[in-house]
N, C-alpha and C. Protein backbone atom coordinates (compact mmCIF):
# COMPACT_ATOMS: atom_id res chain seq x y z
N UNK A 1 0.83 -1.20 -0.01
CA UNK A 1 -0.01 -0.03 -0.03
C UNK A 1 0.85 1.23 -0.01
N UNK A 2 0.56 2.21 -0.84
CA UNK A 2 1.28 3.46 -0.93
C UNK A 2 1.01 4.32 0.31
N UNK A 3 2.05 5.04 0.79
CA UNK A 3 1.84 5.90 1.98
C UNK A 3 1.03 7.15 1.68
N UNK A 4 0.66 7.35 0.40
CA UNK A 4 -0.13 8.56 0.08
C UNK A 4 -1.14 8.19 -1.00
N UNK A 5 -2.31 8.79 -0.82
CA UNK A 5 -3.40 8.72 -1.81
C UNK A 5 -3.64 10.09 -2.30
N UNK A 6 -3.56 10.29 -3.60
CA UNK A 6 -3.78 11.61 -4.26
C UNK A 6 -5.13 11.63 -4.89
N UNK A 7 -6.12 12.24 -4.30
CA UNK A 7 -7.46 12.38 -4.82
C UNK A 7 -7.70 13.82 -5.18
N UNK A 8 -7.17 14.26 -6.32
CA UNK A 8 -7.24 15.64 -6.80
C UNK A 8 -6.71 16.61 -5.73
N UNK A 9 -7.63 17.25 -4.98
CA UNK A 9 -7.16 18.24 -3.98
C UNK A 9 -7.25 17.68 -2.55
N UNK A 10 -7.54 16.37 -2.39
CA UNK A 10 -7.54 15.79 -1.01
C UNK A 10 -6.50 14.66 -1.02
N UNK A 11 -5.45 14.87 -0.24
CA UNK A 11 -4.41 13.86 -0.13
C UNK A 11 -4.57 13.19 1.26
N UNK A 12 -4.28 11.89 1.30
CA UNK A 12 -4.31 11.18 2.57
C UNK A 12 -2.90 10.47 2.73
N UNK A 13 -2.28 10.84 3.81
CA UNK A 13 -0.99 10.28 4.19
C UNK A 13 -1.26 9.17 5.21
N UNK A 14 -0.57 8.00 5.06
CA UNK A 14 -0.86 6.91 6.02
C UNK A 14 0.41 6.12 6.30
N UNK A 15 0.35 5.36 7.37
CA UNK A 15 1.46 4.49 7.76
C UNK A 15 2.64 5.24 8.30
N UNK A 16 3.81 4.69 8.12
CA UNK A 16 5.02 5.29 8.57
C UNK A 16 5.48 6.39 7.56
N UNK A 17 5.85 7.53 8.06
CA UNK A 17 6.37 8.56 7.25
C UNK A 17 7.67 9.05 7.80
N UNK A 18 8.73 8.31 7.46
CA UNK A 18 10.04 8.65 7.94
C UNK A 18 11.00 8.85 6.79
N UNK A 19 12.26 9.04 7.10
CA UNK A 19 13.29 9.32 6.08
C UNK A 19 13.19 8.33 4.93
N UNK A 20 12.85 7.06 5.22
CA UNK A 20 12.82 6.00 4.21
C UNK A 20 11.72 6.24 3.17
N UNK A 21 10.62 6.89 3.56
CA UNK A 21 9.47 7.10 2.66
C UNK A 21 9.48 8.45 1.95
N UNK A 22 10.29 9.41 2.44
CA UNK A 22 10.26 10.75 1.93
C UNK A 22 10.59 10.89 0.47
N UNK A 23 11.56 10.21 -0.02
CA UNK A 23 11.94 10.24 -1.45
C UNK A 23 10.80 9.78 -2.29
N UNK A 24 10.15 8.68 -1.93
CA UNK A 24 9.04 8.15 -2.64
C UNK A 24 7.95 9.20 -2.70
N UNK A 25 7.64 9.80 -1.60
CA UNK A 25 6.61 10.80 -1.51
C UNK A 25 6.90 12.04 -2.39
N UNK A 26 8.16 12.42 -2.38
CA UNK A 26 8.53 13.58 -3.21
C UNK A 26 8.37 13.28 -4.69
N UNK A 27 8.81 12.08 -5.06
CA UNK A 27 8.70 11.64 -6.50
C UNK A 27 7.19 11.53 -6.87
N UNK A 28 6.43 10.92 -5.98
CA UNK A 28 4.99 10.70 -6.24
C UNK A 28 4.23 12.01 -6.44
N UNK A 29 4.59 13.03 -5.75
CA UNK A 29 3.87 14.32 -5.83
C UNK A 29 4.58 15.37 -6.67
N UNK A 30 5.75 15.07 -7.16
CA UNK A 30 6.55 16.08 -7.92
C UNK A 30 5.82 16.66 -9.07
N UNK A 31 5.13 15.89 -9.86
CA UNK A 31 4.41 16.37 -11.05
C UNK A 31 2.95 16.63 -10.80
N UNK A 32 2.57 16.84 -9.53
CA UNK A 32 1.16 17.12 -9.26
C UNK A 32 0.75 18.42 -9.92
N UNK A 33 -0.44 18.39 -10.53
CA UNK A 33 -0.93 19.59 -11.22
C UNK A 33 -1.63 20.43 -10.16
N UNK A 34 -0.88 21.47 -9.74
CA UNK A 34 -1.44 22.38 -8.71
C UNK A 34 -2.43 23.33 -9.29
N UNK A 35 -3.63 22.85 -9.58
CA UNK A 35 -4.63 23.70 -10.09
C UNK A 35 -5.69 24.15 -9.04
N UNK A 36 -5.41 23.74 -7.81
CA UNK A 36 -6.25 24.21 -6.70
C UNK A 36 -5.51 23.93 -5.38
N UNK A 37 -6.08 24.41 -4.27
CA UNK A 37 -5.52 24.18 -2.97
C UNK A 37 -5.60 22.71 -2.58
N UNK A 38 -4.73 22.31 -1.69
CA UNK A 38 -4.67 20.92 -1.25
C UNK A 38 -5.01 20.83 0.23
N UNK A 39 -5.68 19.78 0.60
CA UNK A 39 -5.90 19.43 2.02
C UNK A 39 -5.28 18.11 2.23
N UNK A 40 -4.38 17.99 3.19
CA UNK A 40 -3.65 16.75 3.53
C UNK A 40 -4.23 16.24 4.80
N UNK A 41 -4.74 15.03 4.80
CA UNK A 41 -5.28 14.36 5.93
C UNK A 41 -4.20 13.43 6.51
N UNK A 42 -3.84 13.64 7.74
CA UNK A 42 -2.78 12.86 8.41
C UNK A 42 -3.36 11.91 9.46
N UNK A 43 -4.64 11.65 9.44
CA UNK A 43 -5.27 10.84 10.48
C UNK A 43 -4.80 9.39 10.51
N UNK A 44 -4.22 8.92 9.42
CA UNK A 44 -3.80 7.53 9.32
C UNK A 44 -2.25 7.38 9.44
N UNK A 45 -1.57 8.46 9.78
CA UNK A 45 -0.11 8.36 9.97
C UNK A 45 0.25 7.73 11.30
N UNK A 46 1.27 6.87 11.25
CA UNK A 46 1.67 6.17 12.42
C UNK A 46 2.97 6.76 12.94
N UNK A 47 4.11 6.28 12.47
CA UNK A 47 5.43 6.71 12.93
C UNK A 47 5.96 7.78 11.96
N UNK A 48 6.59 8.82 12.61
CA UNK A 48 7.20 9.88 11.81
C UNK A 48 8.55 10.22 12.35
N UNK A 49 9.30 10.99 11.58
CA UNK A 49 10.54 11.60 12.09
C UNK A 49 10.61 13.00 11.56
N UNK A 50 11.70 13.70 11.86
CA UNK A 50 11.83 15.10 11.48
C UNK A 50 11.80 15.34 9.95
N UNK A 51 12.15 14.36 9.16
CA UNK A 51 12.14 14.54 7.69
C UNK A 51 10.77 14.87 7.20
N UNK A 52 9.67 14.46 7.90
CA UNK A 52 8.34 14.84 7.54
C UNK A 52 8.14 16.34 7.57
N UNK A 53 8.70 17.03 8.54
CA UNK A 53 8.56 18.46 8.61
C UNK A 53 9.14 19.12 7.33
N UNK A 54 10.28 18.69 6.90
CA UNK A 54 10.82 19.23 5.65
C UNK A 54 9.97 19.00 4.46
N UNK A 55 9.36 17.83 4.37
CA UNK A 55 8.51 17.51 3.25
C UNK A 55 7.22 18.38 3.29
N UNK A 56 6.65 18.58 4.46
CA UNK A 56 5.46 19.42 4.57
C UNK A 56 5.79 20.86 4.16
N UNK A 57 6.95 21.35 4.57
CA UNK A 57 7.35 22.67 4.17
C UNK A 57 7.57 22.78 2.64
N UNK A 58 8.11 21.76 2.09
CA UNK A 58 8.31 21.74 0.62
C UNK A 58 6.96 21.79 -0.09
N UNK A 59 5.99 21.00 0.35
CA UNK A 59 4.66 20.98 -0.24
C UNK A 59 4.01 22.35 -0.09
N UNK A 60 4.17 22.98 1.05
CA UNK A 60 3.59 24.34 1.29
C UNK A 60 4.29 25.35 0.35
N UNK A 61 5.59 25.18 0.16
CA UNK A 61 6.33 26.10 -0.71
C UNK A 61 5.84 25.96 -2.13
N UNK A 62 5.59 24.71 -2.61
CA UNK A 62 5.09 24.49 -3.94
C UNK A 62 3.68 25.11 -4.13
N UNK A 63 2.85 24.93 -3.15
CA UNK A 63 1.50 25.50 -3.21
C UNK A 63 1.56 27.00 -3.24
N UNK A 64 2.37 27.59 -2.38
CA UNK A 64 2.50 29.04 -2.40
C UNK A 64 2.99 29.61 -3.68
N UNK A 65 3.95 28.89 -4.32
CA UNK A 65 4.47 29.30 -5.57
C UNK A 65 3.38 29.34 -6.67
N UNK A 66 2.41 28.50 -6.53
CA UNK A 66 1.29 28.48 -7.47
C UNK A 66 0.10 29.31 -7.02
N UNK A 67 0.26 29.97 -5.89
CA UNK A 67 -0.78 30.82 -5.33
C UNK A 67 -1.96 30.05 -4.76
N UNK A 68 -1.69 28.86 -4.24
CA UNK A 68 -2.69 28.01 -3.60
C UNK A 68 -2.27 27.76 -2.13
N UNK A 69 -3.19 27.22 -1.35
CA UNK A 69 -2.87 26.90 0.00
C UNK A 69 -2.66 25.36 0.13
N UNK A 70 -2.00 25.02 1.20
CA UNK A 70 -1.76 23.63 1.51
C UNK A 70 -2.13 23.50 2.96
N UNK A 71 -3.29 22.85 3.23
CA UNK A 71 -3.85 22.76 4.57
C UNK A 71 -3.62 21.36 5.07
N UNK A 72 -3.29 21.24 6.36
CA UNK A 72 -3.06 19.99 6.95
C UNK A 72 -4.10 19.73 8.07
N UNK A 73 -4.72 18.56 8.03
CA UNK A 73 -5.72 18.20 9.02
C UNK A 73 -5.25 16.97 9.81
N UNK A 74 -5.78 16.79 10.97
CA UNK A 74 -5.47 15.65 11.84
C UNK A 74 -4.00 15.44 12.04
N UNK A 75 -3.33 16.52 12.40
CA UNK A 75 -1.88 16.44 12.63
C UNK A 75 -1.64 15.57 13.86
N UNK A 76 -0.74 14.55 13.72
CA UNK A 76 -0.45 13.65 14.86
C UNK A 76 0.26 14.42 15.97
N UNK A 77 0.00 14.01 17.20
CA UNK A 77 0.62 14.67 18.36
C UNK A 77 2.13 14.68 18.30
N UNK A 78 2.73 13.54 17.84
CA UNK A 78 4.16 13.51 17.80
C UNK A 78 4.80 14.47 16.81
N UNK A 79 4.00 14.81 15.75
CA UNK A 79 4.51 15.80 14.83
C UNK A 79 4.37 17.19 15.43
N UNK A 80 3.34 17.45 16.14
CA UNK A 80 3.15 18.75 16.86
C UNK A 80 4.32 18.94 17.82
N UNK A 81 4.65 17.89 18.58
CA UNK A 81 5.77 18.00 19.53
C UNK A 81 7.07 18.30 18.82
N UNK A 82 7.33 17.67 17.72
CA UNK A 82 8.59 17.95 16.92
C UNK A 82 8.55 19.40 16.41
N UNK A 83 7.42 19.84 15.93
CA UNK A 83 7.28 21.18 15.42
C UNK A 83 7.54 22.21 16.50
N UNK A 84 7.05 21.94 17.67
CA UNK A 84 7.29 22.83 18.85
C UNK A 84 8.78 22.83 19.19
N UNK A 85 9.36 21.68 19.21
CA UNK A 85 10.80 21.56 19.53
C UNK A 85 11.66 22.39 18.58
N UNK A 86 11.25 22.37 17.30
CA UNK A 86 12.04 23.18 16.29
C UNK A 86 11.54 24.57 16.08
N UNK A 87 10.52 24.98 16.87
CA UNK A 87 9.96 26.32 16.84
C UNK A 87 9.24 26.65 15.54
N UNK A 88 8.58 25.65 14.92
CA UNK A 88 7.87 25.83 13.65
C UNK A 88 6.44 25.41 13.73
N UNK A 89 5.88 25.26 14.93
CA UNK A 89 4.52 24.80 15.09
C UNK A 89 3.51 25.64 14.34
N UNK A 90 3.70 26.95 14.32
CA UNK A 90 2.76 27.86 13.67
C UNK A 90 2.66 27.61 12.16
N UNK A 91 3.65 26.95 11.56
CA UNK A 91 3.61 26.68 10.13
C UNK A 91 2.77 25.47 9.76
N UNK A 92 2.46 24.69 10.76
CA UNK A 92 1.59 23.51 10.48
C UNK A 92 0.18 23.99 10.42
């Protein structure tokens, strides 16, 4: 099963999202047609590491570049804790 489902403007991230999955996720979304804002549902995410923060910021950068928003829902508590630790919680 893929760690991401891309349903036009609704993306669902699931399972482990660590350094090992980041390259796959970047490749999978690289050529996404940003023709509208994206909502990312993280309710099915299990294990994460700090590399996920970098990926989320990259997706937000891509959306901003196209003048769209990138919204994240159901952010896991462990990601919120990491974001607080690095002083970037307000960007989630």
